Amino acid sequence: MAKLKAAFEAAVAASKQLPEKPDNQTLLKIYSLYKQATEGDVEGKRPGFTDLVGRAKYDAWAAVKGKSTDDAMQDYVDLIESLK
């Protein structure tokens, strides 16, 4: 577990220094896996239709609902590695 957490934290740092900015779908996947790994399942109401960014983030996070913290961390690490 400690090894995975260290790899996750390294991937978070690496995500800020990617060679090029990922497309929006990839950014949403990064966001959703990070939130799932650090906070667990999404809670609260879905933002209204006027908040397009908030709604997209909410939907992306809701799509990984039920994924364990460890699985979310591993998927995040794998995704960031694939973008390097």
N, C-alpha and C. Protein backbone atom coordinates (compact mmCIF):
# COMPACT_ATOMS: atom_id res chain seq x y z
N MET A 1 0.83 -1.20 0.00
CA MET A 1 0.00 0.00 0.00
C MET A 1 0.87 1.25 0.00
N ALA A 2 1.91 1.25 0.84
CA ALA A 2 2.78 2.43 0.91
C ALA A 2 3.48 2.66 -0.44
N LYS A 3 3.81 1.56 -1.11
CA LYS A 3 4.47 1.66 -2.41
C LYS A 3 3.53 2.29 -3.44
N LEU A 4 2.26 1.87 -3.42
CA LEU A 4 1.27 2.42 -4.34
C LEU A 4 1.04 3.90 -4.06
N LYS A 5 0.95 4.26 -2.78
CA LYS A 5 0.73 5.66 -2.39
C LYS A 5 1.90 6.53 -2.87
N ALA A 6 3.11 6.03 -2.73
CA ALA A 6 4.29 6.77 -3.19
C ALA A 6 4.27 6.93 -4.71
N ALA A 7 3.88 5.87 -5.41
CA ALA A 7 3.79 5.93 -6.88
C ALA A 7 2.70 6.92 -7.30
N PHE A 8 1.60 6.92 -6.56
CA PHE A 8 0.49 7.85 -6.84
C PHE A 8 0.95 9.29 -6.65
N GLU A 9 1.62 9.56 -5.54
CA GLU A 9 2.10 10.92 -5.27
C GLU A 9 3.12 11.37 -6.32
N ALA A 10 3.96 10.46 -6.77
CA ALA A 10 4.92 10.77 -7.83
C ALA A 10 4.19 11.07 -9.14
N ALA A 11 3.13 10.32 -9.41
CA ALA A 11 2.35 10.54 -10.63
C ALA A 11 1.62 11.88 -10.58
N VAL A 12 1.13 12.26 -9.40
CA VAL A 12 0.48 13.57 -9.24
C VAL A 12 1.48 14.68 -9.57
N ALA A 13 2.69 14.56 -9.06
CA ALA A 13 3.73 15.54 -9.35
C ALA A 13 4.07 15.54 -10.84
N ALA A 14 4.17 14.35 -11.42
CA ALA A 14 4.51 14.22 -12.85
C ALA A 14 3.41 14.78 -13.73
N SER A 15 2.16 14.72 -13.27
CA SER A 15 1.04 15.19 -14.08
C SER A 15 1.12 16.70 -14.34
N LYS A 16 1.82 17.39 -13.48
CA LYS A 16 1.96 18.84 -13.63
C LYS A 16 3.08 19.20 -14.61
N GLN A 17 3.85 18.19 -15.03
CA GLN A 17 4.99 18.45 -15.91
C GLN A 17 4.97 17.57 -17.16
N LEU A 18 3.79 17.27 -17.63
CA LEU A 18 3.68 16.47 -18.85
C LEU A 18 4.22 17.26 -20.04
N PRO A 19 4.78 16.57 -21.04
CA PRO A 19 5.35 17.27 -22.19
C PRO A 19 4.33 18.11 -22.95
N GLU A 20 3.09 17.65 -23.02
CA GLU A 20 2.05 18.45 -23.68
C GLU A 20 0.74 18.28 -22.93
N LYS A 21 -0.11 19.29 -23.02
CA LYS A 21 -1.38 19.25 -22.31
C LYS A 21 -2.30 18.21 -22.95
N PRO A 22 -2.83 17.30 -22.12
CA PRO A 22 -3.75 16.28 -22.66
C PRO A 22 -5.06 16.91 -23.16
N ASP A 23 -5.79 16.17 -23.98
CA ASP A 23 -7.09 16.66 -24.45
C ASP A 23 -8.09 16.65 -23.29
N ASN A 24 -9.23 17.28 -23.49
CA ASN A 24 -10.20 17.45 -22.41
C ASN A 24 -10.70 16.12 -21.85
N GLN A 25 -10.95 15.12 -22.70
CA GLN A 25 -11.43 13.83 -22.21
C GLN A 25 -10.39 13.19 -21.27
N THR A 26 -9.13 13.31 -21.65
CA THR A 26 -8.06 12.75 -20.82
C THR A 26 -7.94 13.52 -19.52
N LEU A 27 -8.06 14.83 -19.59
CA LEU A 27 -8.02 15.65 -18.38
C LEU A 27 -9.15 15.27 -17.43
N LEU A 28 -10.33 15.02 -17.97
CA LEU A 28 -11.45 14.60 -17.13
C LEU A 28 -11.18 13.24 -16.49
N LYS A 29 -10.54 12.34 -17.23
CA LYS A 29 -10.21 11.02 -16.68
C LYS A 29 -9.18 11.17 -15.55
N ILE A 30 -8.18 12.03 -15.76
CA ILE A 30 -7.18 12.29 -14.72
C ILE A 30 -7.88 12.83 -13.47
N TYR A 31 -8.75 13.82 -13.68
CA TYR A 31 -9.48 14.44 -12.57
C TYR A 31 -10.31 13.41 -11.82
N SER A 32 -11.07 12.61 -12.55
CA SER A 32 -11.98 11.67 -11.90
C SER A 32 -11.22 10.60 -11.11
N LEU A 33 -10.14 10.11 -11.65
CA LEU A 33 -9.35 9.10 -10.93
C LEU A 33 -8.68 9.70 -9.69
N TYR A 34 -8.22 10.94 -9.81
CA TYR A 34 -7.61 11.62 -8.66
C TYR A 34 -8.64 11.80 -7.54
N LYS A 35 -9.82 12.30 -7.90
CA LYS A 35 -10.86 12.53 -6.91
C LYS A 35 -11.31 11.21 -6.27
N GLN A 36 -11.46 10.17 -7.08
CA GLN A 36 -11.88 8.87 -6.56
C GLN A 36 -10.82 8.32 -5.60
N ALA A 37 -9.55 8.49 -5.95
CA ALA A 37 -8.46 7.97 -5.11
C ALA A 37 -8.33 8.75 -3.81
N THR A 38 -8.59 10.06 -3.84
CA THR A 38 -8.37 10.88 -2.66
C THR A 38 -9.62 11.12 -1.82
N GLU A 39 -10.80 11.08 -2.43
CA GLU A 39 -12.03 11.40 -1.70
C GLU A 39 -13.09 10.31 -1.73
N GLY A 40 -12.95 9.33 -2.61
CA GLY A 40 -13.96 8.28 -2.72
C GLY A 40 -15.07 8.68 -3.67
N ASP A 41 -16.22 8.03 -3.51
CA ASP A 41 -17.34 8.26 -4.43
C ASP A 41 -17.84 9.70 -4.41
N VAL A 42 -18.28 10.16 -5.57
CA VAL A 42 -18.82 11.50 -5.72
C VAL A 42 -20.08 11.64 -4.85
N GLU A 43 -20.26 12.82 -4.27
CA GLU A 43 -21.44 13.09 -3.46
C GLU A 43 -22.03 14.42 -3.89
N GLY A 44 -23.25 14.67 -3.44
CA GLY A 44 -23.88 15.94 -3.74
C GLY A 44 -24.66 15.90 -5.04
N LYS A 45 -25.27 17.03 -5.32
CA LYS A 45 -26.10 17.13 -6.52
C LYS A 45 -25.24 17.45 -7.74
N ARG A 46 -25.72 16.97 -8.87
CA ARG A 46 -25.06 17.27 -10.15
C ARG A 46 -25.27 18.75 -10.47
N PRO A 47 -24.20 19.46 -10.87
CA PRO A 47 -24.35 20.88 -11.21
C PRO A 47 -25.37 21.09 -12.34
N GLY A 48 -25.95 22.27 -12.36
CA GLY A 48 -26.96 22.61 -13.36
C GLY A 48 -26.37 22.72 -14.75
N PHE A 49 -27.26 22.81 -15.74
CA PHE A 49 -26.81 22.83 -17.14
C PHE A 49 -26.03 24.09 -17.51
N THR A 50 -26.09 25.13 -16.68
CA THR A 50 -25.32 26.34 -16.99
C THR A 50 -23.85 26.21 -16.56
N ASP A 51 -23.56 25.23 -15.70
CA ASP A 51 -22.19 24.99 -15.25
C ASP A 51 -21.62 23.81 -16.03
N LEU A 52 -21.21 24.06 -17.26
CA LEU A 52 -20.77 22.97 -18.14
C LEU A 52 -19.51 22.27 -17.63
N VAL A 53 -18.56 23.04 -17.12
CA VAL A 53 -17.32 22.44 -16.63
C VAL A 53 -17.59 21.61 -15.38
N GLY A 54 -18.33 22.18 -14.44
CA GLY A 54 -18.66 21.46 -13.22
C GLY A 54 -19.44 20.19 -13.50
N ARG A 55 -20.33 20.27 -14.45
CA ARG A 55 -21.16 19.12 -14.82
C ARG A 55 -20.30 18.02 -15.45
N ALA A 56 -19.38 18.41 -16.32
CA ALA A 56 -18.49 17.44 -16.97
C ALA A 56 -17.61 16.75 -15.92
N LYS A 57 -17.08 17.52 -14.98
CA LYS A 57 -16.25 16.96 -13.91
C LYS A 57 -17.07 16.00 -13.04
N TYR A 58 -18.28 16.42 -12.69
CA TYR A 58 -19.15 15.58 -11.87
C TYR A 58 -19.44 14.26 -12.59
N ASP A 59 -19.80 14.35 -13.86
CA ASP A 59 -20.13 13.15 -14.64
C ASP A 59 -18.92 12.21 -14.75
N ALA A 60 -17.74 12.78 -14.97
CA ALA A 60 -16.53 11.96 -15.09
C ALA A 60 -16.24 11.24 -13.77
N TRP A 61 -16.41 11.96 -12.66
CA TRP A 61 -16.17 11.37 -11.34
C TRP A 61 -17.22 10.31 -11.04
N ALA A 62 -18.47 10.60 -11.38
CA ALA A 62 -19.56 9.64 -11.14
C ALA A 62 -19.34 8.36 -11.95
N ALA A 63 -18.66 8.46 -13.08
CA ALA A 63 -18.43 7.29 -13.94
C ALA A 63 -17.50 6.27 -13.28
N VAL A 64 -16.69 6.69 -12.32
CA VAL A 64 -15.78 5.76 -11.63
C VAL A 64 -16.28 5.43 -10.23
N LYS A 65 -17.53 5.75 -9.96
CA LYS A 65 -18.13 5.47 -8.64
C LYS A 65 -18.03 3.97 -8.33
N GLY A 66 -17.63 3.66 -7.12
CA GLY A 66 -17.50 2.28 -6.71
C GLY A 66 -16.10 1.71 -6.87
N LYS A 67 -15.25 2.40 -7.60
CA LYS A 67 -13.87 1.94 -7.79
C LYS A 67 -13.12 2.13 -6.47
N SER A 68 -12.37 1.14 -6.07
CA SER A 68 -11.64 1.23 -4.80
C SER A 68 -10.53 2.28 -4.90
N THR A 69 -10.11 2.75 -3.72
CA THR A 69 -9.04 3.74 -3.67
C THR A 69 -7.78 3.21 -4.35
N ASP A 70 -7.42 1.97 -4.04
CA ASP A 70 -6.21 1.37 -4.63
C ASP A 70 -6.32 1.25 -6.14
N ASP A 71 -7.47 0.82 -6.63
CA ASP A 71 -7.66 0.69 -8.08
C ASP A 71 -7.58 2.06 -8.75
N ALA A 72 -8.20 3.06 -8.13
CA ALA A 72 -8.16 4.42 -8.69
C ALA A 72 -6.74 4.95 -8.72
N MET A 73 -6.00 4.71 -7.65
CA MET A 73 -4.59 5.15 -7.61
C MET A 73 -3.79 4.48 -8.71
N GLN A 74 -3.96 3.16 -8.85
CA GLN A 74 -3.21 2.42 -9.86
C GLN A 74 -3.57 2.88 -11.27
N ASP A 75 -4.85 3.09 -11.52
CA ASP A 75 -5.29 3.57 -12.84
C ASP A 75 -4.72 4.96 -13.12
N TYR A 76 -4.68 5.80 -12.10
CA TYR A 76 -4.13 7.15 -12.24
C TYR A 76 -2.64 7.07 -12.61
N VAL A 77 -1.90 6.25 -11.87
CA VAL A 77 -0.47 6.09 -12.14
C VAL A 77 -0.26 5.59 -13.56
N ASP A 78 -1.02 4.58 -13.96
CA ASP A 78 -0.89 4.02 -15.32
C ASP A 78 -1.20 5.06 -16.39
N LEU A 79 -2.23 5.85 -16.16
CA LEU A 79 -2.61 6.87 -17.13
C LEU A 79 -1.52 7.93 -17.28
N ILE A 80 -1.02 8.42 -16.17
CA ILE A 80 0.04 9.45 -16.22
C ILE A 80 1.28 8.87 -16.91
N GLU A 81 1.64 7.64 -16.60
CA GLU A 81 2.81 7.00 -17.24
C GLU A 81 2.61 6.94 -18.76
N SER A 82 1.40 6.67 -19.19
CA SER A 82 1.14 6.55 -20.63
C SER A 82 1.23 7.90 -21.34
N LEU A 83 1.11 8.98 -20.58
CA LEU A 83 1.14 10.32 -21.18
C LEU A 83 2.53 10.93 -21.21
N LYS A 84 3.48 10.30 -20.53
CA LYS A 84 4.86 10.85 -20.47
C LYS A 84 5.55 10.71 -21.80
